[in-house]
Protein backbone atom coordinates (compact mmCIF):
# COMPACT_ATOMS: atom_id res chain seq x y z
CA MET A 1 108.64 90.14 114.17
CA LEU A 2 110.77 90.39 111.06
CA ILE A 3 109.48 90.45 107.48
CA ILE A 4 112.10 89.54 104.90
CA ASP A 5 112.12 89.46 101.09
CA LYS A 6 112.91 85.78 100.41
CA PRO A 7 114.74 85.28 97.12
CA TYR A 8 113.49 82.99 94.38
CA GLY A 9 115.08 79.54 94.56
CA LEU A 10 115.93 79.57 98.27
CA PRO A 11 114.12 76.84 100.24
CA VAL A 12 113.12 77.61 103.80
CA HIS A 13 113.97 74.10 105.02
CA ALA A 14 116.51 71.47 104.02
CA GLY A 15 115.34 68.96 101.44
CA PRO A 16 116.54 65.46 100.54
CA LYS A 17 119.11 66.90 98.11
CA GLY A 18 120.65 69.23 100.72
CA GLY A 19 121.99 72.61 99.69
CA GLU A 20 121.63 76.16 100.98
CA THR A 21 118.43 77.06 102.85
CA LEU A 22 117.02 80.06 104.66
CA ALA A 23 117.81 78.28 107.93
CA ASP A 24 121.52 78.78 107.16
CA HIS A 25 121.03 82.55 107.47
CA LEU A 26 118.68 82.88 110.43
CA ASP A 27 121.47 83.37 112.96
CA ALA A 28 122.44 86.61 111.19
CA LEU A 29 118.91 87.90 111.84
CA ARG A 30 119.00 87.73 115.65
CA PHE A 31 119.83 91.45 115.99
CA GLY A 32 120.87 91.10 119.64
CA LEU A 33 118.32 88.53 120.79
CA PRO A 34 119.62 85.23 122.19
CA ARG A 35 117.48 83.09 119.85
CA THR A 36 117.32 82.94 116.11
CA PRO A 37 113.99 83.95 114.55
CA GLU A 38 111.72 81.20 113.21
CA LEU A 39 109.16 80.95 110.42
CA ALA A 40 105.64 82.17 111.19
CA HIS A 41 104.44 80.71 107.86
CA ARG A 42 106.06 79.26 104.72
CA LEU A 43 106.81 80.03 101.10
CA ASP A 44 107.74 77.51 98.43
CA LYS A 45 111.36 77.38 97.30
CA ASP A 46 110.51 79.09 94.00
CA THR A 47 108.10 81.66 95.46
CA SER A 48 109.78 84.95 96.28
CA GLY A 49 108.77 87.84 98.49
CA CYS A 50 107.41 88.70 101.93
CA LEU A 51 108.05 86.07 104.58
CA VAL A 52 107.18 86.67 108.24
CA LEU A 53 109.48 85.50 111.04
CA GLY A 54 108.84 85.52 114.77
CA ARG A 55 111.77 86.65 116.91
CA HIS A 56 110.90 84.67 120.05
CA THR A 57 108.49 82.02 121.34
CA LYS A 58 105.76 84.42 122.47
CA ALA A 59 105.83 86.24 119.14
CA LEU A 60 105.63 82.98 117.21
CA ALA A 61 102.59 81.91 119.21
CA GLN A 62 100.86 85.24 118.58
CA LEU A 63 101.70 85.21 114.88
CA GLY A 64 100.52 81.62 114.61
CA LYS A 65 97.10 82.61 115.95
CA LEU A 66 96.90 85.58 113.56
CA PHE A 67 97.70 83.45 110.53
CA ALA A 68 95.39 80.63 111.62
CA SER A 69 92.47 83.02 112.13
CA GLY A 70 92.94 84.71 108.75
CA ALA A 71 93.75 88.04 110.34
CA VAL A 72 96.93 88.52 108.28
CA GLY A 73 96.32 90.08 104.88
CA LYS A 74 98.35 88.48 102.07
CA THR A 75 98.66 89.60 98.46
CA TYR A 76 100.52 87.67 95.79
CA VAL A 77 101.27 88.55 92.17
CA ALA A 78 101.34 85.83 89.52
CA VAL A 79 101.76 85.68 85.77
CA THR A 80 99.58 82.92 84.34
CA LEU A 81 99.19 81.07 81.06
CA GLY A 82 95.70 81.93 79.92
CA ALA A 83 93.15 84.02 81.78
CA PRO A 84 90.10 83.42 83.96
CA ALA A 85 86.77 84.32 82.40
CA ALA A 86 86.00 86.89 85.10
CA ASP A 87 88.14 89.88 86.02
CA ALA A 88 87.68 89.20 89.72
CA GLY A 89 86.21 86.56 91.96
CA ARG A 90 86.69 83.83 94.49
CA ILE A 91 87.98 80.30 93.88
CA ASP A 92 86.22 78.05 96.38
CA GLN A 93 87.71 74.65 95.59
CA PRO A 94 88.71 71.97 98.11
CA LEU A 95 92.19 70.47 97.84
CA ALA A 96 93.55 67.10 98.90
CA LYS A 97 96.87 65.28 98.77
CA ARG A 98 97.40 63.63 95.41
CA SER A 99 99.59 60.91 96.91
CA PRO A 100 100.31 59.75 100.47
CA HIS A 101 103.97 59.63 99.49
CA ARG A 102 104.06 63.29 98.39
CA GLY A 103 102.25 65.27 101.04
CA TRP A 104 103.08 68.56 99.35
CA TRP A 105 101.52 67.58 96.00
CA MET A 106 97.88 68.72 95.95
CA GLN A 107 94.90 68.35 93.65
CA ALA A 108 91.42 69.84 93.36
CA VAL A 109 88.72 67.45 94.58
CA PRO A 110 84.92 67.58 94.99
CA LYS A 111 83.61 68.87 98.29
CA GLY A 112 83.22 66.04 100.79
CA SER A 113 85.92 63.86 99.23
CA PRO A 114 88.13 61.88 101.63
CA GLY A 115 90.94 64.11 102.85
CA ALA A 116 89.47 67.23 101.26
CA GLN A 117 90.47 70.52 102.87
CA GLU A 118 88.58 73.78 102.40
CA ALA A 119 90.62 76.10 100.17
CA ILE A 120 89.58 79.62 99.16
CA THR A 121 91.47 82.14 97.04
CA ASP A 122 90.36 85.62 95.95
CA PHE A 123 91.75 87.01 92.70
CA GLN A 124 91.81 90.19 90.63
CA VAL A 125 93.07 90.38 87.05
CA LEU A 126 95.52 93.27 86.69
CA HIS A 127 96.40 92.91 83.00
CA ARG A 128 95.61 90.66 80.04
CA ALA A 129 98.29 90.36 77.33
CA GLY A 130 97.67 87.69 74.73
CA ASP A 131 98.39 84.29 76.23
CA LEU A 132 99.62 85.75 79.54
CA THR A 133 97.71 87.34 82.40
CA VAL A 134 98.93 89.25 85.44
CA ILE A 135 96.83 88.46 88.51
CA ALA A 136 96.75 89.62 92.13
CA LEU A 137 95.80 86.84 94.56
CA SER A 138 94.82 86.63 98.20
CA PRO A 139 94.63 83.21 99.87
CA VAL A 140 91.82 83.20 102.43
CA THR A 141 92.95 79.77 103.63
CA GLY A 142 96.55 78.56 103.77
CA ARG A 143 96.78 75.13 102.14
CA THR A 144 99.98 73.71 100.67
CA HIS A 145 100.48 74.93 97.07
CA GLN A 146 96.99 76.48 97.25
CA LEU A 147 97.52 79.26 94.72
CA ARG A 148 99.33 77.02 92.27
CA ALA A 149 96.73 74.24 92.47
CA HIS A 150 93.79 76.65 92.28
CA LEU A 151 95.06 78.45 89.20
CA SER A 152 95.87 75.17 87.51
CA HIS A 153 92.34 73.98 88.28
CA LEU A 154 90.96 77.07 86.53
CA GLY A 155 92.98 76.19 83.46
CA THR A 156 95.31 79.15 84.00
CA PRO A 157 98.50 77.66 85.52
CA ILE A 158 101.28 79.92 86.74
CA LEU A 159 104.03 80.54 84.21
CA GLY A 160 107.03 78.36 85.05
CA ASP A 161 105.12 75.92 87.29
CA ALA A 162 106.70 72.51 86.63
CA ILE A 163 104.35 70.70 89.04
CA TYR A 164 100.91 72.09 88.21
CA GLY A 165 101.53 73.82 84.89
CA GLY A 166 103.61 71.39 82.88
CA ALA A 167 106.63 73.71 82.63
CA SER A 168 110.01 72.18 81.83
CA ARG A 169 112.19 71.13 84.74
CA LEU A 170 115.32 71.54 82.62
CA PRO A 171 117.73 74.47 83.19
CA GLY A 172 116.89 77.51 81.11
CA GLY A 173 113.13 77.06 81.33
CA PRO A 174 110.86 79.79 82.74
CA LYS A 175 111.05 80.35 86.48
CA LEU A 176 107.93 80.21 88.63
CA HIS A 177 106.16 83.57 88.34
CA LEU A 178 104.64 83.77 91.82
CA HIS A 179 105.60 86.48 94.31
CA SER A 180 104.45 87.23 97.85
CA ARG A 181 103.98 90.94 97.27
CA ARG A 182 102.43 92.21 100.49
CA VAL A 183 101.59 91.22 104.06
CA VAL A 184 99.50 93.23 106.51
CA VAL A 185 99.91 92.06 110.10
CA PRO A 186 97.71 93.45 112.93
CA LEU A 187 100.41 92.87 115.52
CA LYS A 188 99.13 95.11 118.30
CA ALA A 189 95.54 95.84 119.24
CA GLY A 190 94.66 99.51 118.78
CA ALA A 191 97.73 100.20 116.62
CA PRO A 192 97.95 100.38 112.83
CA PRO A 193 98.91 97.04 111.28
CA VAL A 194 102.41 96.41 110.01
CA ASP A 195 102.10 96.76 106.23
CA VAL A 196 105.05 95.59 104.11
CA SER A 197 105.52 95.11 100.36
CA ALA A 198 108.41 93.41 98.53
CA PRO A 199 109.51 94.44 95.02
CA LEU A 200 108.90 91.93 92.24
CA PRO A 201 111.88 89.62 91.52
CA PRO A 202 114.10 90.18 88.47
CA HIS A 203 112.67 87.35 86.34
CA MET A 204 109.10 88.64 86.81
CA CYS A 205 110.21 92.21 86.13
CA GLU A 206 111.77 91.02 82.87
CA THR A 207 108.56 89.27 81.80
CA LEU A 208 106.41 92.28 82.67
CA SER A 209 108.75 94.60 80.79
CA HIS A 210 108.44 92.36 77.71
CA LEU A 211 104.67 92.80 78.02
CA GLY A 212 105.12 96.57 78.03
CA LEU A 213 104.26 96.89 81.72
CA ASP A 214 106.03 98.81 84.48
CA PRO A 215 106.83 96.29 87.27
CA VAL A 216 106.64 99.00 89.93
CA ALA A 217 103.19 100.03 88.72
CA VAL A 218 102.05 96.39 88.70
CA GLY A 219 103.15 95.99 92.31
CA THR A 220 101.38 99.17 93.31
CA ALA A 221 98.20 98.05 91.55
CA ALA A 222 98.30 94.75 93.44
CA ASP A 223 98.71 96.60 96.74
CA GLN A 224 95.56 98.58 96.04
CA VAL A 225 93.24 95.62 95.40
CA ALA A 226 90.52 95.44 98.04
CA PHE A 227 90.03 91.69 98.22
CA ALA A 228 87.44 91.87 100.97
CA LYS A 229 85.02 93.39 98.44
CA LEU A 230 85.27 90.60 95.86
CA GLY A 231 82.09 88.80 95.09
CA THR A 232 80.72 85.38 94.26
CA ALA A 233 82.55 82.12 93.86
CA VAL A 234 83.73 81.22 90.38
CA SER A 235 84.65 77.62 91.10
CA LYS A 236 83.17 75.27 93.65
CA ALA A 237 82.88 71.51 93.71
């Protein structure tokens, strides 16, 4: 297993417009093995931070089971426009594809709707600063764009989100403020889990500094959130 710090703006797979992707760099991460590592999960192009790779077929199969069963702990940090009413809680809100032609574009739907998928996110507010809020998030399920769609549904979209938050798509606009801060992987039975954190990206550090916050302290605070202890659902349809 490898855990890398994926930069903001680097897609993991080639898109219709082409351009550089993470796949272009995987061969440099073989470190003596005959095969290139492959993705054990995914991050959006504009989401930075911890990304887990499996170094061979057996590892990928094992990691796939760990992710599918929810055994991998994941913590994200986001800066949002607006703030949830509660300081902590669980977003229990099904998601479904908004369009059959855009399978990655999701929307919140009532439970039992056609195509609805269970989607659960735990959250903890780390700091409130006027119109902006710093939040630690832990996706219990792993739906496409889950964190972005859930926060938009709450009325607190992620700063810089052009799909779910109405941010400008033009150059010079705010970048997406969503970072995969920490992963905890129980790779071997009876051994301590592999616990890795990635520093916040420069654009998020700049925003936090403008708010009078220490980015390192924010990351540390996110690492210390005990999501398993969060309580009742704050949104369920």
